Amino acid sequence: MTAAFGWWLSGTISEYRRNAIAYSRDDDIREYRSHMRVEAVLRRVSDGRILWKDSLSWTDELMNSSDRSEQEDNETLTIQAISERLADHLYHRLHGNF
């Protein structure tokens, strides 16, 4: 059995939404805005005590495509970009508070 020392960071996506923000003259959706909110908690491993918690969010835009496969790829890339931004912000917030 080994002793557990250190901290444990967990996060939960508490919100994800995609809204149409631009339309063509024919009233077709041209662009979406995706928004994600994450709840993050840093705990001490030894006793589970919360050392820090915060909520972070990020928004990004993506173009619509009439090709369903391309649209799904665009949304996946946007979600990845938002996730990377949130991870970067989380890293900087954690380092700024300790």
N, C-alpha and C. Protein backbone atom coordinates (compact mmCIF):
# COMPACT_ATOMS: atom_id res chain seq x y z
N MET A 1 0.84 -1.17 0.00
CA MET A 1 0.00 0.00 0.00
C MET A 1 0.89 1.24 0.00
N THR A 2 0.56 2.20 -0.85
CA THR A 2 1.34 3.44 -0.92
C THR A 2 0.51 4.59 -0.39
N ALA A 3 1.19 5.53 0.22
CA ALA A 3 0.51 6.72 0.73
C ALA A 3 0.21 7.67 -0.42
N ALA A 4 -0.94 8.28 -0.40
CA ALA A 4 -1.34 9.21 -1.44
C ALA A 4 -1.07 10.63 -0.97
N PHE A 5 -0.23 11.33 -1.69
CA PHE A 5 0.08 12.72 -1.40
C PHE A 5 -0.23 13.55 -2.62
N GLY A 6 -0.55 14.79 -2.41
CA GLY A 6 -0.76 15.68 -3.54
C GLY A 6 -2.19 16.16 -3.66
N TRP A 7 -2.51 16.52 -4.89
CA TRP A 7 -3.81 17.12 -5.17
C TRP A 7 -4.46 16.40 -6.32
N TRP A 8 -5.77 16.58 -6.41
CA TRP A 8 -6.54 15.93 -7.44
C TRP A 8 -7.47 16.98 -8.04
N LEU A 9 -7.38 17.16 -9.33
CA LEU A 9 -8.19 18.15 -10.06
C LEU A 9 -9.27 17.42 -10.83
N SER A 10 -10.51 17.85 -10.66
CA SER A 10 -11.61 17.27 -11.42
C SER A 10 -12.42 18.40 -12.04
N GLY A 11 -13.11 18.07 -13.10
CA GLY A 11 -13.94 19.07 -13.76
C GLY A 11 -15.17 18.43 -14.37
N THR A 12 -16.21 19.23 -14.48
CA THR A 12 -17.47 18.78 -15.04
C THR A 12 -17.95 19.82 -16.04
N ILE A 13 -18.35 19.36 -17.21
CA ILE A 13 -18.98 20.28 -18.16
C ILE A 13 -20.40 20.51 -17.66
N SER A 14 -20.68 21.72 -17.23
CA SER A 14 -21.99 22.01 -16.66
C SER A 14 -22.95 22.59 -17.70
N GLU A 15 -22.39 23.03 -18.83
CA GLU A 15 -23.25 23.60 -19.87
C GLU A 15 -22.55 23.53 -21.22
N TYR A 16 -23.30 23.15 -22.22
CA TYR A 16 -22.84 23.26 -23.60
C TYR A 16 -24.05 23.61 -24.44
N ARG A 17 -23.90 24.65 -25.25
CA ARG A 17 -24.98 25.01 -26.15
C ARG A 17 -24.42 25.55 -27.46
N ARG A 18 -25.23 25.40 -28.50
CA ARG A 18 -24.87 25.92 -29.82
C ARG A 18 -26.10 26.67 -30.34
N ASN A 19 -25.90 27.95 -30.67
CA ASN A 19 -26.98 28.79 -31.16
C ASN A 19 -26.65 29.35 -32.53
N ALA A 20 -27.63 29.44 -33.38
CA ALA A 20 -27.45 30.09 -34.68
C ALA A 20 -27.29 31.59 -34.47
N ILE A 21 -26.29 32.19 -35.16
CA ILE A 21 -26.06 33.63 -34.99
C ILE A 21 -26.06 34.39 -36.30
N ALA A 22 -26.01 33.68 -37.44
CA ALA A 22 -26.03 34.37 -38.74
C ALA A 22 -26.82 33.54 -39.73
N TYR A 23 -27.58 34.24 -40.56
CA TYR A 23 -28.45 33.58 -41.54
C TYR A 23 -28.19 34.14 -42.93
N SER A 24 -28.48 33.33 -43.95
CA SER A 24 -28.38 33.77 -45.33
C SER A 24 -29.66 34.53 -45.71
N ARG A 25 -29.68 35.06 -46.90
CA ARG A 25 -30.88 35.75 -47.38
C ARG A 25 -32.07 34.80 -47.49
N ASP A 26 -31.77 33.51 -47.67
CA ASP A 26 -32.82 32.49 -47.76
C ASP A 26 -33.22 31.94 -46.39
N ASP A 27 -32.72 32.58 -45.34
CA ASP A 27 -33.00 32.20 -43.97
C ASP A 27 -32.39 30.86 -43.57
N ASP A 28 -31.30 30.47 -44.25
CA ASP A 28 -30.54 29.28 -43.86
C ASP A 28 -29.47 29.71 -42.86
N ILE A 29 -29.18 28.84 -41.90
CA ILE A 29 -28.15 29.15 -40.91
C ILE A 29 -26.78 29.15 -41.58
N ARG A 30 -26.02 30.24 -41.36
CA ARG A 30 -24.67 30.34 -41.91
C ARG A 30 -23.60 30.14 -40.84
N GLU A 31 -23.92 30.53 -39.61
CA GLU A 31 -22.91 30.47 -38.55
C GLU A 31 -23.56 30.18 -37.20
N TYR A 32 -22.83 29.42 -36.39
CA TYR A 32 -23.26 29.08 -35.03
C TYR A 32 -22.27 29.66 -34.02
N ARG A 33 -22.76 29.83 -32.79
CA ARG A 33 -21.90 30.16 -31.66
C ARG A 33 -22.03 29.03 -30.66
N SER A 34 -20.90 28.44 -30.28
CA SER A 34 -20.87 27.36 -29.28
C SER A 34 -20.34 27.93 -27.97
N HIS A 35 -20.95 27.50 -26.87
CA HIS A 35 -20.57 27.98 -25.55
C HIS A 35 -20.45 26.78 -24.61
N MET A 36 -19.37 26.76 -23.83
CA MET A 36 -19.15 25.68 -22.86
C MET A 36 -18.77 26.29 -21.51
N ARG A 37 -19.35 25.74 -20.45
CA ARG A 37 -19.00 26.12 -19.08
C ARG A 37 -18.52 24.86 -18.36
N VAL A 38 -17.45 25.02 -17.57
CA VAL A 38 -16.84 23.92 -16.83
C VAL A 38 -16.73 24.33 -15.36
N GLU A 39 -17.07 23.40 -14.49
CA GLU A 39 -16.89 23.57 -13.05
C GLU A 39 -15.66 22.76 -12.66
N ALA A 40 -14.65 23.41 -12.08
CA ALA A 40 -13.41 22.73 -11.72
C ALA A 40 -13.22 22.75 -10.20
N VAL A 41 -12.69 21.64 -9.66
CA VAL A 41 -12.45 21.51 -8.22
C VAL A 41 -11.08 20.88 -8.01
N LEU A 42 -10.28 21.51 -7.16
CA LEU A 42 -8.98 20.97 -6.76
C LEU A 42 -9.11 20.52 -5.31
N ARG A 43 -8.80 19.23 -5.07
CA ARG A 43 -8.92 18.65 -3.72
C ARG A 43 -7.58 18.09 -3.26
N ARG A 44 -7.40 18.09 -1.95
CA ARG A 44 -6.24 17.43 -1.37
C ARG A 44 -6.54 15.94 -1.36
N VAL A 45 -5.62 15.13 -1.85
CA VAL A 45 -5.82 13.68 -1.94
C VAL A 45 -5.98 13.06 -0.55
N SER A 46 -5.19 13.48 0.40
CA SER A 46 -5.17 12.82 1.72
C SER A 46 -6.51 12.86 2.45
N ASP A 47 -7.25 13.97 2.34
CA ASP A 47 -8.50 14.07 3.09
C ASP A 47 -9.70 14.54 2.24
N GLY A 48 -9.49 14.79 0.96
CA GLY A 48 -10.58 15.21 0.08
C GLY A 48 -11.01 16.65 0.27
N ARG A 49 -10.30 17.41 1.08
CA ARG A 49 -10.65 18.81 1.34
C ARG A 49 -10.53 19.63 0.06
N ILE A 50 -11.53 20.47 -0.19
CA ILE A 50 -11.50 21.36 -1.37
C ILE A 50 -10.52 22.49 -1.10
N LEU A 51 -9.53 22.62 -1.98
CA LEU A 51 -8.54 23.67 -1.86
C LEU A 51 -8.89 24.87 -2.74
N TRP A 52 -9.59 24.59 -3.83
CA TRP A 52 -9.93 25.64 -4.79
C TRP A 52 -11.04 25.13 -5.70
N LYS A 53 -11.94 26.03 -6.09
CA LYS A 53 -12.93 25.68 -7.09
C LYS A 53 -13.32 26.94 -7.84
N ASP A 54 -13.72 26.74 -9.10
CA ASP A 54 -14.07 27.88 -9.93
C ASP A 54 -14.90 27.39 -11.11
N SER A 55 -15.52 28.33 -11.76
CA SER A 55 -16.30 28.07 -12.96
C SER A 55 -15.66 28.85 -14.10
N LEU A 56 -15.46 28.19 -15.24
CA LEU A 56 -14.86 28.83 -16.39
C LEU A 56 -15.75 28.60 -17.60
N SER A 57 -15.75 29.56 -18.52
CA SER A 57 -16.54 29.37 -19.74
C SER A 57 -15.80 29.99 -20.92
N TRP A 58 -16.15 29.51 -22.10
CA TRP A 58 -15.56 30.02 -23.33
C TRP A 58 -16.58 29.88 -24.44
N THR A 59 -16.53 30.80 -25.39
CA THR A 59 -17.43 30.82 -26.54
C THR A 59 -16.62 30.92 -27.81
N ASP A 60 -17.05 30.23 -28.85
CA ASP A 60 -16.38 30.28 -30.15
C ASP A 60 -17.44 30.14 -31.25
N GLU A 61 -17.09 30.61 -32.43
CA GLU A 61 -18.01 30.53 -33.57
C GLU A 61 -17.56 29.47 -34.56
N LEU A 62 -18.54 28.92 -35.29
CA LEU A 62 -18.22 27.98 -36.36
C LEU A 62 -19.19 28.18 -37.51
N MET A 63 -18.67 27.99 -38.71
CA MET A 63 -19.48 28.13 -39.91
C MET A 63 -20.33 26.87 -40.10
N ASN A 64 -21.52 27.06 -40.63
CA ASN A 64 -22.39 25.95 -40.95
C ASN A 64 -21.99 25.37 -42.30
N SER A 65 -22.30 24.12 -42.50
CA SER A 65 -22.05 23.46 -43.77
C SER A 65 -23.29 22.66 -44.14
N SER A 66 -23.61 22.64 -45.43
CA SER A 66 -24.74 21.83 -45.87
C SER A 66 -24.41 20.34 -45.84
N ASP A 67 -23.11 20.03 -45.82
CA ASP A 67 -22.66 18.64 -45.72
C ASP A 67 -22.66 18.24 -44.24
N ARG A 68 -23.50 17.29 -43.88
CA ARG A 68 -23.66 16.90 -42.46
C ARG A 68 -22.35 16.42 -41.85
N SER A 69 -21.58 15.63 -42.57
CA SER A 69 -20.31 15.12 -42.06
C SER A 69 -19.34 16.27 -41.80
N GLU A 70 -19.28 17.21 -42.73
CA GLU A 70 -18.40 18.37 -42.55
C GLU A 70 -18.86 19.22 -41.37
N GLN A 71 -20.17 19.37 -41.20
CA GLN A 71 -20.71 20.14 -40.08
C GLN A 71 -20.35 19.49 -38.75
N GLU A 72 -20.46 18.17 -38.67
CA GLU A 72 -20.08 17.46 -37.44
C GLU A 72 -18.59 17.61 -37.17
N ASP A 73 -17.77 17.54 -38.22
CA ASP A 73 -16.32 17.75 -38.05
C ASP A 73 -16.04 19.16 -37.55
N ASN A 74 -16.73 20.15 -38.11
CA ASN A 74 -16.56 21.55 -37.67
C ASN A 74 -16.91 21.71 -36.20
N GLU A 75 -18.00 21.09 -35.80
CA GLU A 75 -18.41 21.20 -34.39
C GLU A 75 -17.41 20.49 -33.48
N THR A 76 -16.93 19.33 -33.89
CA THR A 76 -15.92 18.61 -33.10
C THR A 76 -14.66 19.45 -32.94
N LEU A 77 -14.21 20.08 -34.01
CA LEU A 77 -13.02 20.95 -33.94
C LEU A 77 -13.26 22.15 -33.04
N THR A 78 -14.45 22.71 -33.09
CA THR A 78 -14.78 23.85 -32.24
C THR A 78 -14.79 23.43 -30.77
N ILE A 79 -15.38 22.28 -30.47
CA ILE A 79 -15.40 21.77 -29.09
C ILE A 79 -13.96 21.53 -28.60
N GLN A 80 -13.11 20.99 -29.46
CA GLN A 80 -11.71 20.78 -29.08
C GLN A 80 -11.01 22.10 -28.81
N ALA A 81 -11.26 23.11 -29.66
CA ALA A 81 -10.64 24.43 -29.47
C ALA A 81 -11.12 25.07 -28.16
N ILE A 82 -12.40 24.98 -27.87
CA ILE A 82 -12.94 25.51 -26.63
C ILE A 82 -12.33 24.78 -25.44
N SER A 83 -12.23 23.47 -25.51
CA SER A 83 -11.65 22.67 -24.42
C SER A 83 -10.21 23.07 -24.16
N GLU A 84 -9.43 23.29 -25.21
CA GLU A 84 -8.03 23.70 -25.06
C GLU A 84 -7.95 25.08 -24.41
N ARG A 85 -8.81 26.00 -24.81
CA ARG A 85 -8.82 27.34 -24.21
C ARG A 85 -9.17 27.26 -22.73
N LEU A 86 -10.18 26.45 -22.41
CA LEU A 86 -10.57 26.30 -21.01
C LEU A 86 -9.46 25.68 -20.19
N ALA A 87 -8.77 24.69 -20.73
CA ALA A 87 -7.66 24.06 -20.02
C ALA A 87 -6.54 25.07 -19.78
N ASP A 88 -6.26 25.90 -20.76
CA ASP A 88 -5.24 26.94 -20.63
C ASP A 88 -5.64 27.95 -19.55
N HIS A 89 -6.88 28.40 -19.57
CA HIS A 89 -7.36 29.34 -18.55
C HIS A 89 -7.33 28.70 -17.16
N LEU A 90 -7.71 27.45 -17.07
CA LEU A 90 -7.69 26.75 -15.80
C LEU A 90 -6.27 26.67 -15.25
N TYR A 91 -5.33 26.33 -16.10
CA TYR A 91 -3.92 26.26 -15.70
C TYR A 91 -3.45 27.61 -15.13
N HIS A 92 -3.76 28.69 -15.84
CA HIS A 92 -3.32 30.02 -15.39
C HIS A 92 -4.03 30.46 -14.11
N ARG A 93 -5.29 30.12 -13.95
CA ARG A 93 -6.00 30.46 -12.71
C ARG A 93 -5.43 29.69 -11.52
N LEU A 94 -5.13 28.43 -11.73
CA LEU A 94 -4.55 27.64 -10.64
C LEU A 94 -3.21 28.19 -10.22
N HIS A 95 -2.36 28.53 -11.18
CA HIS A 95 -1.03 29.06 -10.86
C HIS A 95 -1.12 30.45 -10.26
N GLY A 96 -2.14 31.21 -10.62
CA GLY A 96 -2.31 32.54 -10.08
C GLY A 96 -2.80 32.55 -8.65
N ASN A 97 -3.43 31.47 -8.21
CA ASN A 97 -4.00 31.40 -6.86
C ASN A 97 -3.08 30.70 -5.86
N PHE A 98 -1.95 30.14 -6.33
CA PHE A 98 -1.06 29.42 -5.42
C PHE A 98 0.34 29.97 -5.49
